[in-house]
Amino acid sequence: MTEQEAKQLLQQLRAKDIPHVLVKKEHFLTFRHVLVQQEDFKHFRGVAQRGGDVMYYYMDRPRS
């Protein structure tokens, strides 16, 4: 996954075009690097999956 692909996935989540994104273990660091640079970073919720993958959702209210 490239940083540009990660940005596109985040934008799709933000726009609610897709309900969630499954980030594979091998792409996690690239995705997270882009994610933490977002102004609305706290609106994204990551849920760890078995095997090291992470499922990300976009929430209307930021987490605390």
PDB file of N, CA and C in Angstrom:
ATOM      1  N   MET A   1       0.843  -1.172   0.000  1.00  0.00           N
ATOM      2  CA  MET A   1       0.000   0.000   0.000  1.00  0.00           C
ATOM      3  C   MET A   1       0.890   1.237   0.000  1.00  0.00           C
ATOM      4  N   THR A   2       0.564   2.169  -0.855  1.00  0.00           N
ATOM      5  CA  THR A   2       1.302   3.429  -0.901  1.00  0.00           C
ATOM      6  C   THR A   2       0.606   4.458  -0.011  1.00  0.00           C
ATOM      7  N   GLU A   3       1.291   5.558   0.258  1.00  0.00           N
ATOM      8  CA  GLU A   3       0.679   6.615   1.069  1.00  0.00           C
ATOM      9  C   GLU A   3      -0.529   7.201   0.342  1.00  0.00           C
ATOM     10  N   GLN A   4      -0.445   7.302  -0.978  1.00  0.00           N
ATOM     11  CA  GLN A   4      -1.573   7.835  -1.753  1.00  0.00           C
ATOM     12  C   GLN A   4      -2.796   6.923  -1.636  1.00  0.00           C
ATOM     13  N   GLU A   5      -2.591   5.624  -1.684  1.00  0.00           N
ATOM     14  CA  GLU A   5      -3.702   4.677  -1.528  1.00  0.00           C
ATOM     15  C   GLU A   5      -4.305   4.790  -0.131  1.00  0.00           C
ATOM     16  N   ALA A   6      -3.472   4.970   0.878  1.00  0.00           N
ATOM     17  CA  ALA A   6      -3.964   5.134   2.248  1.00  0.00           C
ATOM     18  C   ALA A   6      -4.802   6.403   2.363  1.00  0.00           C
ATOM     19  N   LYS A   7      -4.342   7.487   1.750  1.00  0.00           N
ATOM     20  CA  LYS A   7      -5.100   8.747   1.781  1.00  0.00           C
ATOM     21  C   LYS A   7      -6.455   8.577   1.111  1.00  0.00           C
ATOM     22  N   GLN A   8      -6.490   7.840  -0.002  1.00  0.00           N
ATOM     23  CA  GLN A   8      -7.754   7.609  -0.699  1.00  0.00           C
ATOM     24  C   GLN A   8      -8.716   6.798   0.171  1.00  0.00           C
ATOM     25  N   LEU A   9      -8.213   5.768   0.829  1.00  0.00           N
ATOM     26  CA  LEU A   9      -9.058   4.949   1.707  1.00  0.00           C
ATOM     27  C   LEU A   9      -9.596   5.778   2.867  1.00  0.00           C
ATOM     28  N   LEU A  10      -8.754   6.622   3.451  1.00  0.00           N
ATOM     29  CA  LEU A  10      -9.205   7.483   4.554  1.00  0.00           C
ATOM     30  C   LEU A  10     -10.284   8.443   4.078  1.00  0.00           C
ATOM     31  N   GLN A  11     -10.116   8.992   2.883  1.00  0.00           N
ATOM     32  CA  GLN A  11     -11.118   9.917   2.346  1.00  0.00           C
ATOM     33  C   GLN A  11     -12.433   9.190   2.090  1.00  0.00           C
ATOM     34  N   GLN A  12     -12.371   7.961   1.610  1.00  0.00           N
ATOM     35  CA  GLN A  12     -13.591   7.186   1.379  1.00  0.00           C
ATOM     36  C   GLN A  12     -14.300   6.874   2.691  1.00  0.00           C
ATOM     37  N   LEU A  13     -13.537   6.573   3.727  1.00  0.00           N
ATOM     38  CA  LEU A  13     -14.127   6.340   5.055  1.00  0.00           C
ATOM     39  C   LEU A  13     -14.788   7.613   5.564  1.00  0.00           C
ATOM     40  N   ARG A  14     -14.066   8.703   5.441  1.00  0.00           N
ATOM     41  CA  ARG A  14     -14.556  10.003   5.917  1.00  0.00           C
ATOM     42  C   ARG A  14     -15.858  10.382   5.224  1.00  0.00           C
ATOM     43  N   ALA A  15     -15.939  10.121   3.934  1.00  0.00           N
ATOM     44  CA  ALA A  15     -17.132  10.473   3.149  1.00  0.00           C
ATOM     45  C   ALA A  15     -18.237   9.429   3.286  1.00  0.00           C
ATOM     46  N   LYS A  16     -17.954   8.358   4.024  1.00  0.00           N
ATOM     47  CA  LYS A  16     -18.897   7.258   4.238  1.00  0.00           C
ATOM     48  C   LYS A  16     -19.242   6.534   2.937  1.00  0.00           C
ATOM     49  N   ASP A  17     -18.307   6.567   1.986  1.00  0.00           N
ATOM     50  CA  ASP A  17     -18.464   5.804   0.751  1.00  0.00           C
ATOM     51  C   ASP A  17     -18.290   4.314   1.029  1.00  0.00           C
ATOM     52  N   ILE A  18     -17.472   4.009   2.035  1.00  0.00           N
ATOM     53  CA  ILE A  18     -17.250   2.625   2.461  1.00  0.00           C
ATOM     54  C   ILE A  18     -17.433   2.575   3.980  1.00  0.00           C
ATOM     55  N   PRO A  19     -17.951   1.473   4.525  1.00  0.00           N
ATOM     56  CA  PRO A  19     -18.224   1.406   5.972  1.00  0.00           C
ATOM     57  C   PRO A  19     -16.976   1.164   6.822  1.00  0.00           C
ATOM     58  N   HIS A  20     -15.962   0.503   6.242  1.00  0.00           N
ATOM     59  CA  HIS A  20     -14.760   0.186   7.002  1.00  0.00           C
ATOM     60  C   HIS A  20     -13.629  -0.159   6.049  1.00  0.00           C
ATOM     61  N   VAL A  21     -12.416  -0.174   6.586  1.00  0.00           N
ATOM     62  CA  VAL A  21     -11.225  -0.549   5.818  1.00  0.00           C
ATOM     63  C   VAL A  21     -10.479  -1.603   6.622  1.00  0.00           C
ATOM     64  N   LEU A  22     -10.132  -2.696   5.967  1.00  0.00           N
ATOM     65  CA  LEU A  22      -9.316  -3.725   6.596  1.00  0.00           C
ATOM     66  C   LEU A  22      -7.880  -3.515   6.136  1.00  0.00           C
ATOM     67  N   VAL A  23      -7.016  -3.185   7.089  1.00  0.00           N
ATOM     68  CA  VAL A  23      -5.609  -2.953   6.794  1.00  0.00           C
ATOM     69  C   VAL A  23      -4.827  -4.195   7.211  1.00  0.00           C
ATOM     70  N   LYS A  24      -4.183  -4.801   6.245  1.00  0.00           N
ATOM     71  CA  LYS A  24      -3.390  -5.998   6.503  1.00  0.00           C
ATOM     72  C   LYS A  24      -2.155  -5.649   7.319  1.00  0.00           C
ATOM     73  N   LYS A  25      -1.695  -6.605   8.059  1.00  0.00           N
ATOM     74  CA  LYS A  25      -0.546  -6.451   8.949  1.00  0.00           C
ATOM     75  C   LYS A  25       0.659  -5.826   8.232  1.00  0.00           C
ATOM     76  N   GLU A  26       0.929  -6.270   7.016  1.00  0.00           N
ATOM     77  CA  GLU A  26       2.102  -5.783   6.294  1.00  0.00           C
ATOM     78  C   GLU A  26       1.973  -4.340   5.802  1.00  0.00           C
ATOM     79  N   HIS A  27       0.738  -3.793   5.797  1.00  0.00           N
ATOM     80  CA  HIS A  27       0.513  -2.413   5.362  1.00  0.00           C
ATOM     81  C   HIS A  27       0.232  -1.461   6.528  1.00  0.00           C
ATOM     82  N   PHE A  28       0.203  -1.992   7.727  1.00  0.00           N
ATOM     83  CA  PHE A  28      -0.204  -1.211   8.891  1.00  0.00           C
ATOM     84  C   PHE A  28       0.650   0.036   9.100  1.00  0.00           C
ATOM     85  N   LEU A  29       1.963  -0.089   9.064  1.00  0.00           N
ATOM     86  CA  LEU A  29       2.832   1.050   9.366  1.00  0.00           C
ATOM     87  C   LEU A  29       2.657   2.185   8.362  1.00  0.00           C
ATOM     88  N   THR A  30       2.526   1.849   7.094  1.00  0.00           N
ATOM     89  CA  THR A  30       2.299   2.876   6.075  1.00  0.00           C
ATOM     90  C   THR A  30       0.959   3.565   6.305  1.00  0.00           C
ATOM     91  N   PHE A  31      -0.084   2.772   6.545  1.00  0.00           N
ATOM     92  CA  PHE A  31      -1.422   3.319   6.753  1.00  0.00           C
ATOM     93  C   PHE A  31      -1.453   4.211   7.995  1.00  0.00           C
ATOM     94  N   ARG A  32      -0.868   3.733   9.076  1.00  0.00           N
ATOM     95  CA  ARG A  32      -0.878   4.492  10.332  1.00  0.00           C
ATOM     96  C   ARG A  32      -0.098   5.790  10.198  1.00  0.00           C
ATOM     97  N   HIS A  33       0.997   5.768   9.461  1.00  0.00           N
ATOM     98  CA  HIS A  33       1.791   6.985   9.246  1.00  0.00           C
ATOM     99  C   HIS A  33       0.925   8.079   8.609  1.00  0.00           C
ATOM    100  N   VAL A  34       0.117   7.698   7.631  1.00  0.00           N
ATOM    101  CA  VAL A  34      -0.777   8.653   6.971  1.00  0.00           C
ATOM    102  C   VAL A  34      -1.924   9.034   7.904  1.00  0.00           C
ATOM    103  N   LEU A  35      -2.458   8.068   8.618  1.00  0.00           N
ATOM    104  CA  LEU A  35      -3.603   8.300   9.506  1.00  0.00           C
ATOM    105  C   LEU A  35      -3.307   9.343  10.582  1.00  0.00           C
ATOM    106  N   VAL A  36      -2.175   9.238  11.254  1.00  0.00           N
ATOM    107  CA  VAL A  36      -1.890  10.160  12.366  1.00  0.00           C
ATOM    108  C   VAL A  36      -1.647  11.589  11.894  1.00  0.00           C
ATOM    109  N   GLN A  37      -1.471  11.795  10.605  1.00  0.00           N
ATOM    110  CA  GLN A  37      -1.290  13.146  10.062  1.00  0.00           C
ATOM    111  C   GLN A  37      -2.616  13.835   9.752  1.00  0.00           C
ATOM    112  N   GLN A  38      -3.719  13.105   9.854  1.00  0.00           N
ATOM    113  CA  GLN A  38      -5.037  13.658   9.532  1.00  0.00           C
ATOM    114  C   GLN A  38      -5.530  14.567  10.656  1.00  0.00           C
ATOM    115  N   GLU A  39      -6.170  15.680  10.279  1.00  0.00           N
ATOM    116  CA  GLU A  39      -6.701  16.615  11.282  1.00  0.00           C
ATOM    117  C   GLU A  39      -7.793  15.962  12.123  1.00  0.00           C
ATOM    118  N   ASP A  40      -8.564  15.076  11.519  1.00  0.00           N
ATOM    119  CA  ASP A  40      -9.657  14.411  12.231  1.00  0.00           C
ATOM    120  C   ASP A  40      -9.248  13.005  12.683  1.00  0.00           C
ATOM    121  N   PHE A  41      -7.994  12.838  13.035  1.00  0.00           N
ATOM    122  CA  PHE A  41      -7.413  11.567  13.457  1.00  0.00           C
ATOM    123  C   PHE A  41      -8.255  10.862  14.516  1.00  0.00           C
ATOM    124  N   LYS A  42      -8.798  11.611  15.461  1.00  0.00           N
ATOM    125  CA  LYS A  42      -9.534  11.000  16.567  1.00  0.00           C
ATOM    126  C   LYS A  42     -10.911  10.477  16.157  1.00  0.00           C
ATOM    127  N   HIS A  43     -11.328  10.732  14.938  1.00  0.00           N
ATOM    128  CA  HIS A  43     -12.596  10.201  14.443  1.00  0.00           C
ATOM    129  C   HIS A  43     -12.436   8.781  13.904  1.00  0.00           C
ATOM    130  N   PHE A  44     -11.204   8.371  13.679  1.00  0.00           N
ATOM    131  CA  PHE A  44     -10.951   7.035  13.155  1.00  0.00           C
ATOM    132  C   PHE A  44     -10.751   6.065  14.309  1.00  0.00           C
ATOM    133  N   ARG A  45     -11.382   4.908  14.198  1.00  0.00           N
ATOM    134  CA  ARG A  45     -11.275   3.889  15.242  1.00  0.00           C
ATOM    135  C   ARG A  45     -10.723   2.623  14.623  1.00  0.00           C
ATOM    136  N   GLY A  46      -9.664   2.110  15.199  1.00  0.00           N
ATOM    137  CA  GLY A  46      -9.068   0.871  14.719  1.00  0.00           C
ATOM    138  C   GLY A  46      -9.374  -0.265  15.673  1.00  0.00           C
ATOM    139  N   VAL A  47      -9.803  -1.387  15.135  1.00  0.00           N
ATOM    140  CA  VAL A  47     -10.122  -2.565  15.933  1.00  0.00           C
ATOM    141  C   VAL A  47      -9.203  -3.695  15.464  1.00  0.00           C
ATOM    142  N   ALA A  48      -8.370  -4.162  16.374  1.00  0.00           N
ATOM    143  CA  ALA A  48      -7.425  -5.232  16.037  1.00  0.00           C
ATOM    144  C   ALA A  48      -8.168  -6.520  15.716  1.00  0.00           C
ATOM    145  N   GLN A  49      -7.679  -7.199  14.707  1.00  0.00           N
ATOM    146  CA  GLN A  49      -8.236  -8.475  14.290  1.00  0.00           C
ATOM    147  C   GLN A  49      -7.222  -9.580  14.585  1.00  0.00           C
ATOM    148  N   ARG A  50      -7.669 -10.774  14.591  1.00  0.00           N
ATOM    149  CA  ARG A  50      -6.777 -11.906  14.785  1.00  0.00           C
ATOM    150  C   ARG A  50      -5.761 -11.954  13.635  1.00  0.00           C
ATOM    151  N   GLY A  51      -4.510 -12.165  13.966  1.00  0.00           N
ATOM    152  CA  GLY A  51      -3.474 -12.270  12.946  1.00  0.00           C
ATOM    153  C   GLY A  51      -2.739 -10.976  12.664  1.00  0.00           C
ATOM    154  N   GLY A  52      -3.107  -9.885  13.331  1.00  0.00           N
ATOM    155  CA  GLY A  52      -2.383  -8.629  13.178  1.00  0.00           C
ATOM    156  C   GLY A  52      -3.010  -7.617  12.244  1.00  0.00           C
ATOM    157  N   ASP A  53      -4.129  -7.943  11.607  1.00  0.00           N
ATOM    158  CA  ASP A  53      -4.817  -6.982  10.750  1.00  0.00           C
ATOM    159  C   ASP A  53      -5.618  -6.022  11.634  1.00  0.00           C
ATOM    160  N   VAL A  54      -5.978  -4.870  11.066  1.00  0.00           N
ATOM    161  CA  VAL A  54      -6.756  -3.878  11.810  1.00  0.00           C
ATOM    162  C   VAL A  54      -7.912  -3.399  10.936  1.00  0.00           C
ATOM    163  N   MET A  55      -9.112  -3.362  11.515  1.00  0.00           N
ATOM    164  CA  MET A  55     -10.300  -2.862  10.840  1.00  0.00           C
ATOM    165  C   MET A  55     -10.523  -1.426  11.320  1.00  0.00           C
ATOM    166  N   TYR A  56     -10.577  -0.477  10.374  1.00  0.00           N
ATOM    167  CA  TYR A  56     -10.777   0.928  10.721  1.00  0.00           C
ATOM    168  C   TYR A  56     -12.176   1.378  10.342  1.00  0.00           C
ATOM    169  N   TYR A  57     -12.757   2.189  11.235  1.00  0.00           N
ATOM    170  CA  TYR A  57     -14.079   2.779  11.047  1.00  0.00           C
ATOM    171  C   TYR A  57     -13.952   4.283  11.234  1.00  0.00           C
ATOM    172  N   TYR A  58     -14.904   5.040  10.671  1.00  0.00           N
ATOM    173  CA  TYR A  58     -14.956   6.477  10.906  1.00  0.00           C
ATOM    174  C   TYR A  58     -16.167   6.773  11.772  1.00  0.00           C
ATOM    175  N   MET A  59     -15.930   7.468  12.875  1.00  0.00           N
ATOM    176  CA  MET A  59     -17.009   7.786  13.823  1.00  0.00           C
ATOM    177  C   MET A  59     -17.376   9.257  13.709  1.00  0.00           C
ATOM    178  N   ASP A  60     -18.657   9.557  13.893  1.00  0.00           N
ATOM    179  CA  ASP A  60     -19.112  10.938  13.844  1.00  0.00           C
ATOM    180  C   ASP A  60     -18.569  11.757  15.001  1.00  0.00           C
ATOM    181  N   ARG A  61     -18.445  11.127  16.148  1.00  0.00           N
ATOM    182  CA  ARG A  61     -17.902  11.809  17.336  1.00  0.00           C
ATOM    183  C   ARG A  61     -16.477  11.329  17.585  1.00  0.00           C
ATOM    184  N   PRO A  62     -15.553  12.239  17.868  1.00  0.00           N
ATOM    185  CA  PRO A  62     -14.163  11.819  18.112  1.00  0.00           C
ATOM    186  C   PRO A  62     -14.038  11.036  19.418  1.00  0.00           C
ATOM    187  N   ARG A  63     -13.101  10.113  19.417  1.00  0.00           N
ATOM    188  CA  ARG A  63     -12.835   9.380  20.658  1.00  0.00           C
ATOM    189  C   ARG A  63     -12.085  10.295  21.599  1.00  0.00           C
ATOM    190  N   SER A  64     -12.125   9.989  22.847  1.00  0.00           N
ATOM    191  CA  SER A  64     -11.478  10.866  23.831  1.00  0.00           C
ATOM    192  C   SER A  64     -10.022  10.522  24.021  1.00  0.00           C
TER     193      SER A  64
END
